[in-house]
Amino acid sequence: MADRAPEGWTDTERELWEAFRHGTVFDRRSGRSATDDPYGDVPWGPERTVSAAALAHLLLAGPAAAPGRVASLRMSGVAVTGSLNLAGGRIQQYVELHGCRFEHKVLISEAEASTIRMVDCLVPRIEASRLTTTGDLHLARCRIPEGLRLTDAKIGTDLLLNLAVIGCDRYGRAVSADGMTVHQDFEAERIEVLGELSIRTARIGGRLSLRGAQLRADPQNGVCLNAVRIVVGHTLYLTSSADDGWAGSRSYYGSGYGQNPQPGSSNTPFRAYGQVRLSDARFEAACLITGEFHLEGEDELSLRRIHTPELRFTCAMRPTGTVSLSRARVGNLVDIPEAWPLGKHLGLTGFVYENLRPVTPFTVQQRIAWLEGSSVDFQPESYEQLAAALRRDGADDDAREVLYAKQRRRRQTLPLPSRIWGRIQDVTVGYGYRPGRAGLWLLLAWALGSAWFATHRLEPLKADEQPHWNPVLYTLNQLLPIVDLNQGAWNPGGAEQWISAGLVLIGWVLASTVVAGATRLLQRG
């Protein structure tokens, strides 16, 4: 490799050649913010301009490092003309660019690299399909108006897109990263995406953080986040980002990185304007959702068939569209009543959860309304699932309340005769879940029966015997047929016979309900 820059290079490019060999920063910033702004309109002269061909030469066939130095490409405040094409190449040197402008898109598809950091750079588009890095890929604070492609890329450590602003291509896709693998964290905090952010089937070894992200779907696409079948080794964050430390910060992350907002502090919520698809995703630690979801028409926040030990759904603002948890499986369900959508915009078909851990009080009546707010018809398994979760937490009374609500909801689906019979069961015994109601009816029957027989004395069973007549005990003996109060010496006939038989039937129905309720109470005691 030559120690001198090739013929035909400009003076600026020769200086960059030497900076590359010595591993020093090639800084062309003036120190004036208006002039140094890579997104501004102030033109940069030849002293701040290099060609894409010169960069490609340095990165793919650059000179050897100066003795005792490590070669690297480190530039600040430089404009790059032409299209930078590194596709299929092998980039061994460390690359770090700050505040640079690129005239055309950057092509690094099928390339191999160590670490690439681009901060505060303007790049029309980045094509990096099947890029492989052994280190980080940072695009923090960059503006990429025509989109970013990372399909099937393999990132050795972290992928950072914090505070980036990314536009979309002609198909409405802003970030195309389907099948991507990130061995550690994927951080895209406070990112602004104007189009679809697609990471279908991606595998993230650590966290996937979209704290404070602003995602807005393109009208022709309608999807703002497409994360179907992703696997996250730790936690997904669709949450707020604390404002402290971000404003004016020139670091990669801002001091708000990795922090949750303190109660009452200023923060920026995660916002999604369009469909959000997380179907069939796996989150090994937790899935935290506290953002704002602005859904229109048929738009949906799809959590269908997700698997996670903990789902935290504590949105401060109710989603305006549908939230579907059909056939999802979670361990702890952490939520608040105000987070769930209203008006039959909730899908709970086959939703399985082990424990309920509400952040604020969530009464059993609110839970029942939550179930009955589902977008589908009566589903008995949803009530059984809720009752089982409440029993595991020791809330047996609440579990019975849920099962009672299940019977009342089921009655609405039955034919008219069954609905009438169900209504009778509800009024009299509460489908067996209201033993106190059965006891009151039993007392009423005892009182009415005693009043009737007080004025309608029965004849003895044997004419030669004269047992003592007690209408109160006789009525009680009929109502409690399994209890013998020595009132069998009487021979009812006519209307009294029918009344006695009715008391026996009422007793069997009501007394058994009262006994069952008392047994449950004693077992809990």
Protein backbone atom coordinates (compact mmCIF):
# COMPACT_ATOMS: atom_id res chain seq x y z
CA MET A 1 0.00 0.00 0.00
CA ALA A 2 1.24 3.47 -0.88
CA ASP A 3 2.11 6.00 1.79
CA ARG A 4 0.94 8.90 -0.34
CA ALA A 5 -2.49 9.78 -1.68
CA PRO A 6 -3.23 8.86 -5.32
CA GLU A 7 -2.76 11.39 -8.08
CA GLY A 8 -5.71 13.61 -8.78
CA TRP A 9 -6.88 13.87 -5.18
CA THR A 10 -7.68 17.33 -3.86
CA ASP A 11 -5.70 18.95 -1.09
CA THR A 12 -8.58 18.24 1.31
CA GLU A 13 -8.60 14.57 0.35
CA ARG A 14 -4.83 14.34 0.84
CA GLU A 15 -5.21 15.75 4.33
CA LEU A 16 -7.90 13.14 4.98
CA TRP A 17 -5.45 10.46 3.72
CA GLU A 18 -2.91 11.47 6.35
CA ALA A 19 -5.53 11.70 9.09
CA PHE A 20 -6.67 8.17 8.17
CA ARG A 21 -3.13 6.80 8.42
CA HIS A 22 -2.60 8.40 11.82
CA GLY A 23 -6.06 7.61 13.18
CA THR A 24 -6.76 11.26 14.01
CA VAL A 25 -10.00 13.18 13.62
CA PHE A 26 -10.36 15.04 10.33
CA ASP A 27 -12.33 17.99 11.70
CA ARG A 28 -13.52 20.71 9.33
CA ARG A 29 -16.03 22.38 11.65
CA SER A 30 -15.82 26.15 11.96
CA GLY A 31 -17.20 26.42 15.48
CA ARG A 32 -20.23 28.41 14.30
CA SER A 33 -23.45 26.44 14.78
CA ALA A 34 -25.24 27.99 11.79
CA THR A 35 -22.38 27.12 9.48
CA ASP A 36 -21.67 23.67 10.90
CA ASP A 37 -25.29 22.48 10.87
CA PRO A 38 -25.31 19.48 8.47
CA TYR A 39 -29.04 19.99 7.90
CA GLY A 40 -28.78 23.71 7.16
CA ASP A 41 -28.66 25.58 3.88
CA VAL A 42 -25.18 27.10 4.27
CA PRO A 43 -22.97 25.65 1.48
CA TRP A 44 -19.66 24.06 2.43
CA GLY A 45 -16.63 24.93 0.34
CA PRO A 46 -13.94 22.66 -1.12
CA GLU A 47 -11.97 22.77 2.13
CA ARG A 48 -14.83 20.77 3.70
CA THR A 49 -15.61 18.52 0.72
CA VAL A 50 -14.34 15.07 -0.22
CA SER A 51 -15.52 12.62 -2.86
CA ALA A 52 -17.26 9.33 -2.13
CA ALA A 53 -14.65 7.64 -4.32
CA ALA A 54 -11.89 8.84 -1.99
CA LEU A 55 -13.73 7.44 1.04
CA ALA A 56 -14.29 4.11 -0.71
CA HIS A 57 -10.58 3.94 -1.57
CA LEU A 58 -9.60 4.59 2.06
CA LEU A 59 -12.01 2.03 3.50
CA LEU A 60 -11.54 -0.76 0.97
CA ALA A 61 -7.89 -0.32 -0.12
CA GLY A 62 -6.51 2.33 2.19
CA PRO A 63 -2.90 2.89 3.23
CA ALA A 64 -1.21 1.11 6.09
CA ALA A 65 -1.25 2.85 9.44
CA ALA A 66 1.60 5.13 10.33
CA PRO A 67 4.14 3.50 12.65
CA GLY A 68 2.72 3.23 16.16
CA ARG A 69 -0.77 4.31 15.06
CA VAL A 70 -4.07 2.58 14.25
CA ALA A 71 -5.68 3.59 10.96
CA SER A 72 -9.31 4.75 11.19
CA LEU A 73 -11.76 7.00 9.39
CA ARG A 74 -12.86 9.76 11.77
CA MET A 75 -14.42 12.85 10.20
CA SER A 76 -16.40 15.82 11.49
CA GLY A 77 -18.13 18.53 9.45
CA VAL A 78 -17.31 17.12 6.02
CA ALA A 79 -19.47 17.03 2.88
CA VAL A 80 -19.28 13.87 0.75
CA THR A 81 -20.03 14.19 -2.97
CA GLY A 82 -21.11 11.33 -5.19
CA SER A 83 -22.53 7.96 -4.18
CA LEU A 84 -20.56 6.00 -1.58
CA ASN A 85 -20.59 2.36 -2.71
CA LEU A 86 -19.08 -0.14 -0.27
CA ALA A 87 -21.39 -3.04 -1.19
CA GLY A 88 -19.76 -6.42 -0.73
CA GLY A 89 -16.61 -4.88 0.69
CA ARG A 90 -14.66 -5.61 3.84
CA ILE A 91 -14.15 -2.60 6.10
CA GLN A 92 -11.59 -3.41 8.74
CA GLN A 93 -11.02 0.08 10.12
CA TYR A 94 -13.04 1.86 12.75
CA VAL A 95 -15.45 4.42 11.21
CA GLU A 96 -16.86 7.42 13.09
CA LEU A 97 -18.50 10.40 11.38
CA HIS A 98 -19.93 13.47 13.10
CA GLY A 99 -22.01 16.20 11.51
CA CYS A 100 -21.31 15.15 7.93
CA ARG A 101 -23.38 15.62 4.78
CA PHE A 102 -23.77 13.04 2.04
CA GLU A 103 -24.90 14.09 -1.42
CA HIS A 104 -26.26 10.67 -2.41
CA LYS A 105 -27.23 7.41 -0.73
CA VAL A 106 -24.71 5.13 0.99
CA LEU A 107 -24.47 1.51 -0.21
CA ILE A 108 -22.99 -1.01 2.25
CA SER A 109 -25.09 -4.09 1.43
CA GLU A 110 -23.33 -7.46 1.84
CA ALA A 111 -20.39 -5.66 3.48
CA GLU A 112 -18.38 -6.72 6.52
CA ALA A 113 -17.30 -4.12 9.07
CA SER A 114 -16.13 -3.73 12.63
CA THR A 115 -17.87 -0.68 14.13
CA ILE A 116 -19.61 2.11 12.22
CA ARG A 117 -20.74 5.24 14.03
CA MET A 118 -22.52 8.06 12.24
CA VAL A 119 -23.83 10.83 14.49
CA ASP A 120 -25.70 13.97 13.36
CA CYS A 121 -25.21 13.11 9.72
CA LEU A 122 -27.45 13.83 6.75
CA VAL A 123 -27.69 10.83 4.41
CA PRO A 124 -30.40 10.64 1.71
CA ARG A 125 -30.68 6.85 2.07
CA ILE A 126 -28.71 3.94 3.52
CA GLU A 127 -28.76 0.53 1.84
CA ALA A 128 -27.28 -2.02 4.25
CA SER A 129 -29.02 -5.32 3.52
CA ARG A 130 -27.08 -8.30 4.91
CA LEU A 131 -24.47 -6.01 6.44
CA THR A 132 -22.38 -7.83 9.04
CA THR A 133 -20.59 -6.00 11.85
CA THR A 134 -18.53 -7.35 14.70
CA GLY A 135 -19.20 -4.20 16.71
CA ASP A 136 -21.83 -1.46 16.89
CA LEU A 137 -23.85 0.27 14.22
CA HIS A 138 -24.77 3.78 15.39
CA LEU A 139 -26.95 6.17 13.41
CA ALA A 140 -27.89 8.40 16.33
CA ARG A 141 -29.34 11.83 15.49
CA CYS A 142 -28.97 11.18 11.78
CA ARG A 143 -31.52 12.30 9.20
CA ILE A 144 -32.25 9.78 6.47
CA PRO A 145 -35.07 11.23 4.36
CA GLU A 146 -35.47 8.32 1.93
CA GLY A 147 -35.25 5.46 4.39
CA LEU A 148 -32.93 2.85 5.86
CA ARG A 149 -32.63 -0.78 4.76
CA LEU A 150 -31.12 -3.35 7.14
CA THR A 151 -32.82 -6.51 5.87
CA ASP A 152 -31.08 -9.65 7.21
CA ALA A 153 -28.27 -7.55 8.68
CA LYS A 154 -26.20 -9.00 11.54
CA ILE A 155 -25.05 -6.48 14.15
CA GLY A 156 -22.37 -7.83 16.46
CA THR A 157 -23.21 -5.70 19.50
CA ASP A 158 -25.63 -2.72 19.62
CA LEU A 159 -27.78 -0.97 17.04
CA LEU A 160 -28.56 2.64 18.00
CA LEU A 161 -30.96 4.94 16.18
CA ASN A 162 -31.66 7.33 19.04
CA LEU A 163 -33.08 10.71 17.94
CA ALA A 164 -32.79 9.79 14.27
CA VAL A 165 -35.32 11.21 11.79
CA ILE A 166 -36.12 8.74 9.02
CA GLY A 167 -38.41 9.23 6.02
CA CYS A 168 -39.89 6.59 3.75
CA ASP A 169 -39.33 5.19 0.26
CA ARG A 170 -41.96 5.13 -2.47
CA TYR A 171 -43.61 2.11 -0.85
CA GLY A 172 -44.16 3.86 2.47
CA ARG A 173 -41.37 1.99 4.28
CA ALA A 174 -38.93 3.98 6.38
CA VAL A 175 -36.92 1.26 8.14
CA SER A 176 -36.81 -2.14 6.45
CA ALA A 177 -35.02 -4.49 8.83
CA ASP A 178 -36.86 -7.79 8.45
CA GLY A 179 -34.80 -10.78 9.53
CA MET A 180 -32.19 -8.61 11.22
CA THR A 181 -30.11 -9.95 14.11
CA VAL A 182 -28.79 -7.68 16.87
CA HIS A 183 -26.71 -9.54 19.43
CA GLN A 184 -27.20 -7.00 22.21
CA ASP A 185 -29.50 -3.95 22.42
CA PHE A 186 -31.54 -2.21 19.75
CA GLU A 187 -32.14 1.34 20.96
CA ALA A 188 -34.32 3.74 18.98
CA GLU A 189 -35.31 6.20 21.66
CA ARG A 190 -37.01 9.40 20.54
CA ILE A 191 -36.69 8.35 16.93
CA GLU A 192 -39.01 10.04 14.44
CA VAL A 193 -40.19 7.71 11.70
CA LEU A 194 -42.36 8.90 8.83
CA GLY A 195 -43.37 5.56 7.35
CA GLU A 196 -43.31 1.89 8.33
CA LEU A 197 -40.69 0.66 10.80
CA SER A 198 -40.51 -3.02 9.87
CA ILE A 199 -38.47 -5.52 11.90
CA ARG A 200 -40.39 -8.70 11.16
CA THR A 201 -38.73 -11.92 12.38
CA ALA A 202 -35.85 -9.91 13.84
CA ARG A 203 -33.91 -11.35 16.77
CA ILE A 204 -32.73 -8.94 19.47
CA GLY A 205 -30.40 -10.41 22.08
CA GLY A 206 -31.00 -7.69 24.69
CA ARG A 207 -33.53 -4.87 24.89
CA LEU A 208 -35.64 -3.31 22.19
CA SER A 209 -36.27 0.26 23.35
CA LEU A 210 -38.58 2.69 21.59
CA ARG A 211 -38.94 5.05 24.54
CA GLY A 212 -40.36 8.34 23.41
CA ALA A 213 -40.42 7.26 19.75
CA GLN A 214 -42.75 9.09 17.34
CA LEU A 215 -43.99 6.72 14.65
CA ARG A 216 -46.30 7.94 11.91
CA ALA A 217 -47.50 5.65 9.12
CA ASP A 218 -47.45 6.70 5.50
CA PRO A 219 -51.04 6.97 4.15
CA GLN A 220 -50.41 4.46 1.37
CA ASN A 221 -49.10 1.88 3.85
CA GLY A 222 -51.03 2.40 7.09
CA VAL A 223 -48.56 0.49 9.30
CA CYS A 224 -46.19 2.40 11.56
CA LEU A 225 -44.61 -0.53 13.46
CA ASN A 226 -44.41 -4.04 12.07
CA ALA A 227 -42.68 -6.39 14.50
CA VAL A 228 -44.39 -9.68 13.69
CA ARG A 229 -42.60 -12.80 15.01
CA ILE A 230 -39.70 -10.92 16.58
CA VAL A 231 -37.74 -12.45 19.45
CA VAL A 232 -36.41 -10.10 22.16
CA GLY A 233 -33.99 -11.57 24.67
CA HIS A 234 -34.93 -9.11 27.39
CA THR A 235 -37.59 -6.35 27.34
CA LEU A 236 -39.60 -4.36 24.82
CA TYR A 237 -40.18 -0.71 25.77
CA LEU A 238 -43.04 1.17 24.12
CA THR A 239 -42.93 3.73 26.90
CA SER A 240 -42.25 7.36 27.73
CA SER A 241 -38.82 8.96 27.79
CA ALA A 242 -37.76 11.44 30.46
CA ASP A 243 -37.09 14.88 28.95
CA ASP A 244 -34.33 15.73 31.40
CA GLY A 245 -30.94 15.30 29.78
CA TRP A 246 -32.09 14.98 26.19
CA ALA A 247 -32.62 18.62 25.25
CA GLY A 248 -29.37 20.05 23.93
CA SER A 249 -27.39 16.92 24.66
CA ARG A 250 -24.70 16.20 22.07
CA SER A 251 -23.97 12.70 23.26
CA TYR A 252 -25.14 9.59 21.46
CA TYR A 253 -27.87 8.88 23.94
CA GLY A 254 -28.57 11.89 26.14
CA SER A 255 -28.51 11.38 29.90
CA GLY A 256 -32.07 10.12 29.73
CA TYR A 257 -30.86 6.87 28.17
CA GLY A 258 -32.22 3.82 29.93
CA GLN A 259 -34.20 5.78 32.51
CA ASN A 260 -37.92 5.71 33.21
CA PRO A 261 -39.62 9.07 33.83
CA GLN A 262 -40.17 9.97 37.46
CA PRO A 263 -43.81 10.54 38.49
CA GLY A 264 -44.79 14.11 37.70
CA SER A 265 -41.67 14.80 35.64
CA SER A 266 -41.69 16.07 32.07
CA ASN A 267 -41.56 13.26 29.53
CA THR A 268 -42.24 12.45 25.91
CA PRO A 269 -44.66 9.54 25.38
CA PHE A 270 -44.21 6.84 22.80
CA ARG A 271 -46.70 7.73 20.06
CA ALA A 272 -47.93 5.57 17.20
CA TYR A 273 -50.10 6.95 14.40
CA GLY A 274 -51.11 3.84 12.46
CA GLN A 275 -51.23 0.08 12.87
CA VAL A 276 -48.89 -1.62 15.33
CA ARG A 277 -48.23 -5.32 14.74
CA LEU A 278 -46.53 -7.42 17.40
CA SER A 279 -48.24 -10.71 16.57
CA ASP A 280 -46.43 -13.96 17.47
CA ALA A 281 -43.61 -12.05 19.18
CA ARG A 282 -41.58 -13.44 22.10
CA PHE A 283 -40.24 -11.28 24.92
CA GLU A 284 -38.09 -13.20 27.37
CA ALA A 285 -38.34 -10.69 30.25
CA ALA A 286 -41.26 -8.29 29.73
CA CYS A 287 -43.32 -6.25 27.29
CA LEU A 288 -43.92 -2.73 28.59
CA ILE A 289 -46.58 -0.64 26.84
CA THR A 290 -47.48 2.79 28.21
CA GLY A 291 -47.60 4.87 25.03
CA GLU A 292 -50.25 6.58 22.95
CA PHE A 293 -51.89 4.68 20.10
CA HIS A 294 -53.78 6.80 17.60
CA LEU A 295 -55.64 4.20 15.56
CA GLU A 296 -58.26 4.96 12.94
CA GLY A 297 -60.92 2.81 11.29
CA GLU A 298 -59.71 -0.80 11.14
CA ASP A 299 -56.28 0.02 12.62
CA GLU A 300 -55.24 -2.35 15.39
CA LEU A 301 -52.63 -2.76 18.07
CA SER A 302 -52.06 -6.46 17.55
CA LEU A 303 -50.61 -8.46 20.42
CA ARG A 304 -52.00 -11.72 19.08
CA ARG A 305 -50.22 -14.86 20.28
CA ILE A 306 -47.39 -13.00 22.02
CA HIS A 307 -45.51 -14.85 24.78
CA THR A 308 -43.95 -12.98 27.70
CA PRO A 309 -43.48 -13.46 31.46
CA GLU A 310 -44.96 -9.98 32.05
CA LEU A 311 -47.17 -7.67 30.04
CA ARG A 312 -47.45 -4.14 31.41
CA PHE A 313 -50.31 -2.28 29.72
CA THR A 314 -50.69 1.06 31.50
CA CYS A 315 -51.41 3.59 28.76
CA ALA A 316 -52.37 6.98 30.16
CA MET A 317 -54.62 7.52 27.13
CA ARG A 318 -56.99 4.83 25.88
CA PRO A 319 -56.11 3.54 22.39
CA THR A 320 -58.60 4.89 19.87
CA GLY A 321 -58.81 1.66 17.88
CA THR A 322 -58.74 -2.07 18.59
CA VAL A 323 -56.34 -3.87 20.92
CA SER A 324 -56.14 -7.62 20.29
CA LEU A 325 -54.66 -10.12 22.75
CA SER A 326 -56.20 -13.17 21.13
CA ARG A 327 -54.38 -16.38 22.14
CA ALA A 328 -51.62 -14.41 23.84
CA ARG A 329 -49.90 -16.06 26.82
CA VAL A 330 -48.43 -13.96 29.64
CA GLY A 331 -47.37 -14.53 33.22
CA ASN A 332 -48.17 -11.31 35.09
CA LEU A 333 -50.73 -8.94 33.60
CA VAL A 334 -49.94 -5.47 34.97
CA ASP A 335 -52.56 -2.91 33.96
CA ILE A 336 -54.93 -0.11 34.92
CA PRO A 337 -58.66 0.19 34.10
CA GLU A 338 -58.15 3.37 32.06
CA ALA A 339 -55.68 1.74 29.65
CA TRP A 340 -58.11 -0.51 27.79
CA PRO A 341 -60.23 0.61 24.82
CA LEU A 342 -64.01 0.91 25.05
CA GLY A 343 -66.82 0.12 22.65
CA LYS A 344 -66.09 -3.51 21.72
CA HIS A 345 -62.54 -2.72 20.61
CA LEU A 346 -60.82 -5.40 22.69
CA GLY A 347 -59.95 -8.94 21.54
CA LEU A 348 -59.48 -11.48 24.34
CA THR A 349 -60.23 -14.77 22.58
CA GLY A 350 -58.01 -17.45 24.15
CA PHE A 351 -56.01 -14.88 26.14
CA VAL A 352 -54.18 -16.72 28.94
CA TYR A 353 -52.57 -15.03 31.94
CA GLU A 354 -51.34 -16.44 35.23
CA ASN A 355 -51.59 -13.50 37.64
CA LEU A 356 -53.29 -10.11 37.78
CA ARG A 357 -51.12 -7.30 39.15
CA PRO A 358 -53.01 -4.03 38.62
CA VAL A 359 -51.09 -0.83 39.32
CA THR A 360 -54.20 0.99 40.56
CA PRO A 361 -57.38 -0.51 42.07
CA PHE A 362 -59.17 -2.67 39.52
CA THR A 363 -62.47 -3.88 41.00
CA VAL A 364 -64.08 -7.17 40.05
CA GLN A 365 -66.95 -5.29 38.42
CA GLN A 366 -64.43 -3.39 36.28
CA ARG A 367 -62.79 -6.72 35.39
CA ILE A 368 -66.14 -8.14 34.32
CA ALA A 369 -66.80 -5.03 32.21
CA TRP A 370 -63.31 -5.52 30.74
CA LEU A 371 -64.28 -9.04 29.66
CA GLU A 372 -67.66 -8.01 28.35
CA GLY A 373 -66.04 -5.21 26.37
CA SER A 374 -64.52 -7.85 24.11
CA SER A 375 -65.14 -7.47 20.40
CA VAL A 376 -66.63 -10.97 20.04
CA ASP A 377 -69.72 -12.74 21.35
CA PHE A 378 -69.99 -14.60 24.65
CA GLN A 379 -66.89 -16.66 25.43
CA PRO A 380 -67.17 -18.74 28.61
CA GLU A 381 -63.44 -19.53 28.67
CA SER A 382 -62.63 -15.84 29.22
CA TYR A 383 -64.67 -15.85 32.42
CA GLU A 384 -63.11 -19.12 33.56
CA GLN A 385 -59.63 -17.70 32.91
CA LEU A 386 -60.37 -14.59 34.99
CA ALA A 387 -61.92 -16.62 37.81
CA ALA A 388 -58.90 -18.95 37.90
CA ALA A 389 -56.48 -15.99 38.12
CA LEU A 390 -58.50 -14.47 40.96
CA ARG A 391 -58.53 -17.77 42.87
CA ARG A 392 -54.74 -18.02 42.56
CA ASP A 393 -54.58 -14.65 44.29
CA GLY A 394 -56.93 -15.86 47.03
CA ALA A 395 -59.87 -13.71 45.87
CA ASP A 396 -62.48 -16.48 46.02
CA ASP A 397 -65.43 -14.11 46.41
CA ASP A 398 -64.37 -12.16 43.34
CA ALA A 399 -63.94 -15.40 41.40
CA ARG A 400 -67.51 -16.41 42.28
CA GLU A 401 -68.70 -12.98 41.16
CA VAL A 402 -67.07 -13.58 37.78
CA LEU A 403 -68.68 -17.01 37.40
CA TYR A 404 -72.04 -15.52 38.34
CA ALA A 405 -71.56 -12.88 35.63
CA LYS A 406 -70.71 -15.69 33.20
CA GLN A 407 -74.09 -17.36 33.83
CA ARG A 408 -75.96 -14.10 33.42
CA ARG A 409 -74.12 -13.35 30.18
CA ARG A 410 -74.72 -16.89 28.92
CA ARG A 411 -78.46 -16.51 29.51
CA GLN A 412 -78.59 -13.83 26.81
CA THR A 413 -77.49 -16.40 24.19
CA LEU A 414 -80.16 -19.02 25.02
CA PRO A 415 -83.63 -19.60 23.48
CA LEU A 416 -86.61 -17.90 25.14
CA PRO A 417 -87.71 -20.85 27.37
CA SER A 418 -84.15 -21.28 28.64
CA ARG A 419 -83.85 -17.56 29.24
CA ILE A 420 -87.03 -17.62 31.34
CA TRP A 421 -85.75 -20.56 33.40
CA GLY A 422 -82.39 -18.86 33.75
CA ARG A 423 -84.09 -15.71 34.97
CA ILE A 424 -85.91 -17.73 37.65
CA GLN A 425 -82.62 -19.26 38.78
CA ASP A 426 -81.02 -15.83 38.87
CA VAL A 427 -83.78 -14.27 40.96
CA THR A 428 -84.10 -17.16 43.37
CA VAL A 429 -80.61 -18.54 43.97
CA GLY A 430 -78.31 -16.41 41.79
CA TYR A 431 -77.28 -19.54 39.86
CA GLY A 432 -75.99 -20.92 43.14
CA TYR A 433 -73.57 -18.02 43.65
CA ARG A 434 -75.97 -16.06 45.89
CA PRO A 435 -76.70 -18.35 48.88
CA GLY A 436 -77.88 -15.36 50.92
CA ARG A 437 -80.60 -14.72 48.35
CA ALA A 438 -81.69 -18.36 48.61
CA GLY A 439 -81.79 -18.03 52.40
CA LEU A 440 -84.11 -15.02 52.16
CA TRP A 441 -86.46 -16.89 49.83
CA LEU A 442 -86.34 -19.83 52.24
CA LEU A 443 -87.33 -17.59 55.14
CA LEU A 444 -90.14 -16.08 53.07
CA ALA A 445 -91.46 -19.53 52.17
CA TRP A 446 -91.28 -20.51 55.86
CA ALA A 447 -93.21 -17.39 56.89
CA LEU A 448 -95.90 -17.78 54.22
CA GLY A 449 -96.27 -21.51 54.86
CA SER A 450 -96.53 -20.95 58.60
CA ALA A 451 -99.19 -18.26 58.04
CA TRP A 452 -101.19 -20.55 55.77
CA PHE A 453 -101.11 -23.57 58.05
CA ALA A 454 -101.87 -21.44 61.08
CA THR A 455 -105.38 -21.03 59.65
CA HIS A 456 -105.59 -24.40 57.88
CA ARG A 457 -105.03 -27.08 60.50
CA LEU A 458 -104.29 -30.53 59.05
CA GLU A 459 -106.03 -33.75 60.03
CA PRO A 460 -103.98 -36.38 61.91
CA LEU A 461 -102.69 -39.29 59.87
CA LYS A 462 -104.30 -41.66 62.39
CA ALA A 463 -107.76 -40.75 63.59
CA ASP A 464 -107.24 -42.23 67.08
CA GLU A 465 -104.17 -40.07 67.69
CA GLN A 466 -104.18 -36.40 68.68
CA PRO A 467 -100.64 -35.02 68.10
CA HIS A 468 -99.88 -31.39 68.99
CA TRP A 469 -100.32 -29.09 65.96
CA ASN A 470 -97.49 -26.62 65.33
CA PRO A 471 -97.77 -24.88 61.92
CA VAL A 472 -94.31 -23.30 62.20
CA LEU A 473 -92.50 -26.59 62.81
CA TYR A 474 -94.60 -28.39 60.22
CA THR A 475 -93.66 -25.83 57.54
CA LEU A 476 -89.99 -26.00 58.53
CA ASN A 477 -90.12 -29.81 58.39
CA GLN A 478 -91.39 -29.62 54.80
CA LEU A 479 -88.74 -27.08 53.78
CA LEU A 480 -85.93 -29.15 55.32
CA PRO A 481 -86.81 -32.65 54.14
CA ILE A 482 -83.56 -34.16 55.32
CA VAL A 483 -84.32 -32.98 58.87
CA ASP A 484 -86.97 -34.81 60.95
CA LEU A 485 -88.81 -32.51 63.36
CA ASN A 486 -91.40 -35.19 64.30
CA GLN A 487 -94.06 -33.61 62.14
CA GLY A 488 -94.94 -36.72 60.10
CA ALA A 489 -98.19 -37.47 61.91
CA TRP A 490 -100.28 -35.20 59.70
CA ASN A 491 -102.26 -36.08 56.59
CA PRO A 492 -102.48 -33.10 54.20
CA GLY A 493 -105.15 -33.19 51.55
CA GLY A 494 -106.55 -30.96 48.85
CA ALA A 495 -104.79 -27.61 48.55
CA GLU A 496 -102.72 -28.30 51.65
CA GLN A 497 -101.25 -31.36 49.96
CA TRP A 498 -100.13 -29.30 46.98
CA ILE A 499 -98.73 -26.62 49.23
CA SER A 500 -96.82 -29.19 51.28
CA ALA A 501 -95.36 -30.72 48.11
CA GLY A 502 -94.38 -27.27 46.88
CA LEU A 503 -92.61 -26.52 50.15
CA VAL A 504 -90.64 -29.76 49.80
CA LEU A 505 -89.52 -28.86 46.27
CA ILE A 506 -88.62 -25.32 47.31
CA GLY A 507 -86.71 -26.68 50.26
CA TRP A 508 -84.62 -29.04 48.15
CA VAL A 509 -83.62 -26.23 45.76
CA LEU A 510 -83.07 -23.44 48.25
CA ALA A 511 -81.74 -25.33 51.27
CA SER A 512 -79.08 -27.11 49.19
CA THR A 513 -77.86 -23.73 47.91
CA VAL A 514 -77.67 -22.31 51.43
CA VAL A 515 -75.82 -25.38 52.72
CA ALA A 516 -73.32 -25.21 49.84
CA GLY A 517 -72.66 -21.53 50.57
CA ALA A 518 -72.18 -22.23 54.28
CA THR A 519 -69.79 -25.08 53.49
CA ARG A 520 -67.63 -22.79 51.34
CA LEU A 521 -67.61 -20.21 54.13
CA LEU A 522 -66.51 -22.78 56.69
CA GLN A 523 -63.79 -24.07 54.37
CA ARG A 524 -62.36 -20.57 53.97
CA GLY A 525 -62.54 -20.11 57.72
